[in-house]
Amino acid sequence: MNSAHAAEATLRGVGVCCAVANTVLHTLLVPDHLEEKFYIGFLFAVGSAVMIVVAAALVSLKHAMAAWLTGSLVSLGMIIGFLLSRTIGLPDGYYEPGWEPPTVPFP
């Protein structure tokens, strides 16, 4: 394995870890958001499903440019949604003033 292959494998590994972490975080938030604002919970669930597909594509595809692009766009959309929800708000009155670090439901 040459250094280019090692660098690509490392980059893909980091991408997979980020996609899985994104999925875990948003999947934990789905139930509460489905009750609060259904469309937010639905978008979290769809985003999580897409990120799982992205992670699988990064692992299995030889040329994964579409996976990189999809993961980047979904993540950017989630970041923009987060920022809007704490500044000007989202449709249907969804506004969260301030931000607290997420709590992890593990002992």
C-alpha atoms as a PDB file:
ATOM      1  CA  MET A   1       0.000   0.000   0.000  1.00  0.00           C
ATOM      2  CA  ASN A   2       1.512   3.301  -1.026  1.00  0.00           C
ATOM      3  CA  SER A   3       1.018   6.596   0.771  1.00  0.00           C
ATOM      4  CA  ALA A   4      -1.722   7.771  -1.614  1.00  0.00           C
ATOM      5  CA  HIS A   5      -3.801   4.684  -0.837  1.00  0.00           C
ATOM      6  CA  ALA A   6      -3.181   5.086   2.883  1.00  0.00           C
ATOM      7  CA  ALA A   7      -4.221   8.737   2.756  1.00  0.00           C
ATOM      8  CA  GLU A   8      -7.392   7.874   0.825  1.00  0.00           C
ATOM      9  CA  ALA A   9      -8.250   5.070   3.242  1.00  0.00           C
ATOM     10  CA  THR A  10      -7.729   7.417   6.192  1.00  0.00           C
ATOM     11  CA  LEU A  11      -9.873  10.134   4.604  1.00  0.00           C
ATOM     12  CA  ARG A  12     -12.629   7.652   3.844  1.00  0.00           C
ATOM     13  CA  GLY A  13     -12.456   6.347   7.417  1.00  0.00           C
ATOM     14  CA  VAL A  14     -12.852   9.851   8.787  1.00  0.00           C
ATOM     15  CA  GLY A  15     -15.759  10.446   6.395  1.00  0.00           C
ATOM     16  CA  VAL A  16     -17.471   7.234   7.494  1.00  0.00           C
ATOM     17  CA  CYS A  17     -17.011   8.127  11.177  1.00  0.00           C
ATOM     18  CA  CYS A  18     -18.477  11.604  10.595  1.00  0.00           C
ATOM     19  CA  ALA A  19     -21.449  10.203   8.666  1.00  0.00           C
ATOM     20  CA  VAL A  20     -22.165   7.629  11.385  1.00  0.00           C
ATOM     21  CA  ALA A  21     -21.794  10.234  14.163  1.00  0.00           C
ATOM     22  CA  ASN A  22     -24.182  12.534  12.283  1.00  0.00           C
ATOM     23  CA  THR A  23     -26.651   9.655  11.989  1.00  0.00           C
ATOM     24  CA  VAL A  24     -26.455   8.724  15.669  1.00  0.00           C
ATOM     25  CA  LEU A  25     -26.897  12.304  16.844  1.00  0.00           C
ATOM     26  CA  HIS A  26     -29.886  13.035  14.652  1.00  0.00           C
ATOM     27  CA  THR A  27     -31.526   9.634  15.183  1.00  0.00           C
ATOM     28  CA  LEU A  28     -31.511  10.270  18.937  1.00  0.00           C
ATOM     29  CA  LEU A  29     -33.352  13.550  18.328  1.00  0.00           C
ATOM     30  CA  VAL A  30     -36.021  12.153  15.990  1.00  0.00           C
ATOM     31  CA  PRO A  31     -38.647  11.052  18.587  1.00  0.00           C
ATOM     32  CA  ASP A  32     -38.740  14.380  20.445  1.00  0.00           C
ATOM     33  CA  HIS A  33     -38.854  16.393  17.266  1.00  0.00           C
ATOM     34  CA  LEU A  34     -41.604  14.241  15.744  1.00  0.00           C
ATOM     35  CA  GLU A  35     -43.759  15.245  18.719  1.00  0.00           C
ATOM     36  CA  GLU A  36     -42.700  18.895  18.753  1.00  0.00           C
ATOM     37  CA  LYS A  37     -42.669  19.644  15.012  1.00  0.00           C
ATOM     38  CA  PHE A  38     -43.316  16.620  12.831  1.00  0.00           C
ATOM     39  CA  TYR A  39     -41.515  17.973   9.778  1.00  0.00           C
ATOM     40  CA  ILE A  40     -38.303  18.573  11.735  1.00  0.00           C
ATOM     41  CA  GLY A  41     -38.316  15.005  13.073  1.00  0.00           C
ATOM     42  CA  PHE A  42     -39.076  13.703   9.589  1.00  0.00           C
ATOM     43  CA  LEU A  43     -36.174  15.688   8.113  1.00  0.00           C
ATOM     44  CA  PHE A  44     -33.876  14.343  10.850  1.00  0.00           C
ATOM     45  CA  ALA A  45     -34.956  10.780  10.022  1.00  0.00           C
ATOM     46  CA  VAL A  46     -34.472  11.273   6.280  1.00  0.00           C
ATOM     47  CA  GLY A  47     -31.088  12.946   6.819  1.00  0.00           C
ATOM     48  CA  SER A  48     -29.991  10.084   9.062  1.00  0.00           C
ATOM     49  CA  ALA A  49     -31.033   7.482   6.489  1.00  0.00           C
ATOM     50  CA  VAL A  50     -29.164   9.326   3.747  1.00  0.00           C
ATOM     51  CA  MET A  51     -26.027   9.564   5.896  1.00  0.00           C
ATOM     52  CA  ILE A  52     -26.101   5.792   6.528  1.00  0.00           C
ATOM     53  CA  VAL A  53     -26.195   5.267   2.751  1.00  0.00           C
ATOM     54  CA  VAL A  54     -23.316   7.748   2.397  1.00  0.00           C
ATOM     55  CA  ALA A  55     -21.257   5.834   4.982  1.00  0.00           C
ATOM     56  CA  ALA A  56     -21.942   2.533   3.209  1.00  0.00           C
ATOM     57  CA  ALA A  57     -21.027   4.053  -0.155  1.00  0.00           C
ATOM     58  CA  LEU A  58     -17.768   5.440   1.209  1.00  0.00           C
ATOM     59  CA  VAL A  59     -16.859   1.955   2.410  1.00  0.00           C
ATOM     60  CA  SER A  60     -17.961   0.000  -0.648  1.00  0.00           C
ATOM     61  CA  LEU A  61     -17.508   2.151  -3.739  1.00  0.00           C
ATOM     62  CA  LYS A  62     -14.170   2.505  -5.465  1.00  0.00           C
ATOM     63  CA  HIS A  63     -15.046   5.955  -6.802  1.00  0.00           C
ATOM     64  CA  ALA A  64     -17.233   7.580  -4.164  1.00  0.00           C
ATOM     65  CA  MET A  65     -17.459  11.163  -5.419  1.00  0.00           C
ATOM     66  CA  ALA A  66     -21.280  11.039  -5.362  1.00  0.00           C
ATOM     67  CA  ALA A  67     -21.177   9.865  -1.734  1.00  0.00           C
ATOM     68  CA  TRP A  68     -18.809  12.677  -0.756  1.00  0.00           C
ATOM     69  CA  LEU A  69     -20.992  15.247  -2.507  1.00  0.00           C
ATOM     70  CA  THR A  70     -24.224  13.897  -1.033  1.00  0.00           C
ATOM     71  CA  GLY A  71     -22.796  13.733   2.480  1.00  0.00           C
ATOM     72  CA  SER A  72     -21.436  17.267   2.168  1.00  0.00           C
ATOM     73  CA  LEU A  73     -24.748  18.672   0.930  1.00  0.00           C
ATOM     74  CA  VAL A  74     -26.828  16.921   3.596  1.00  0.00           C
ATOM     75  CA  SER A  75     -24.434  18.031   6.333  1.00  0.00           C
ATOM     76  CA  LEU A  76     -24.438  21.602   5.025  1.00  0.00           C
ATOM     77  CA  GLY A  77     -28.235  21.568   4.975  1.00  0.00           C
ATOM     78  CA  MET A  78     -28.320  20.372   8.581  1.00  0.00           C
ATOM     79  CA  ILE A  79     -25.870  23.084   9.650  1.00  0.00           C
ATOM     80  CA  ILE A  80     -27.902  25.767   7.884  1.00  0.00           C
ATOM     81  CA  GLY A  81     -31.110  24.439   9.464  1.00  0.00           C
ATOM     82  CA  PHE A  82     -29.481  24.506  12.898  1.00  0.00           C
ATOM     83  CA  LEU A  83     -28.304  28.092  12.442  1.00  0.00           C
ATOM     84  CA  LEU A  84     -31.655  29.277  11.090  1.00  0.00           C
ATOM     85  CA  SER A  85     -33.563  27.584  13.917  1.00  0.00           C
ATOM     86  CA  ARG A  86     -31.561  29.609  16.436  1.00  0.00           C
ATOM     87  CA  THR A  87     -31.571  32.931  14.628  1.00  0.00           C
ATOM     88  CA  ILE A  88     -34.600  33.753  12.474  1.00  0.00           C
ATOM     89  CA  GLY A  89     -36.525  30.514  13.044  1.00  0.00           C
ATOM     90  CA  LEU A  90     -37.915  27.918  10.670  1.00  0.00           C
ATOM     91  CA  PRO A  91     -41.406  27.608   9.144  1.00  0.00           C
ATOM     92  CA  ASP A  92     -44.393  26.850  11.361  1.00  0.00           C
ATOM     93  CA  GLY A  93     -42.955  28.758  14.310  1.00  0.00           C
ATOM     94  CA  TYR A  94     -39.980  26.494  14.985  1.00  0.00           C
ATOM     95  CA  TYR A  95     -37.501  28.627  16.914  1.00  0.00           C
ATOM     96  CA  GLU A  96     -35.111  27.549  19.646  1.00  0.00           C
ATOM     97  CA  PRO A  97     -33.497  30.424  21.522  1.00  0.00           C
ATOM     98  CA  GLY A  98     -29.929  29.678  22.555  1.00  0.00           C
ATOM     99  CA  TRP A  99     -28.151  26.393  22.414  1.00  0.00           C
ATOM    100  CA  GLU A 100     -27.238  23.829  25.014  1.00  0.00           C
ATOM    101  CA  PRO A 101     -24.795  20.979  24.417  1.00  0.00           C
ATOM    102  CA  PRO A 102     -26.687  17.796  23.535  1.00  0.00           C
ATOM    103  CA  THR A 103     -27.237  15.310  26.316  1.00  0.00           C
ATOM    104  CA  VAL A 104     -26.297  11.709  25.710  1.00  0.00           C
ATOM    105  CA  PRO A 105     -28.732   9.193  27.191  1.00  0.00           C
ATOM    106  CA  PHE A 106     -25.988   6.804  28.263  1.00  0.00           C
ATOM    107  CA  PRO A 107     -25.033   6.153  31.896  1.00  0.00           C
END
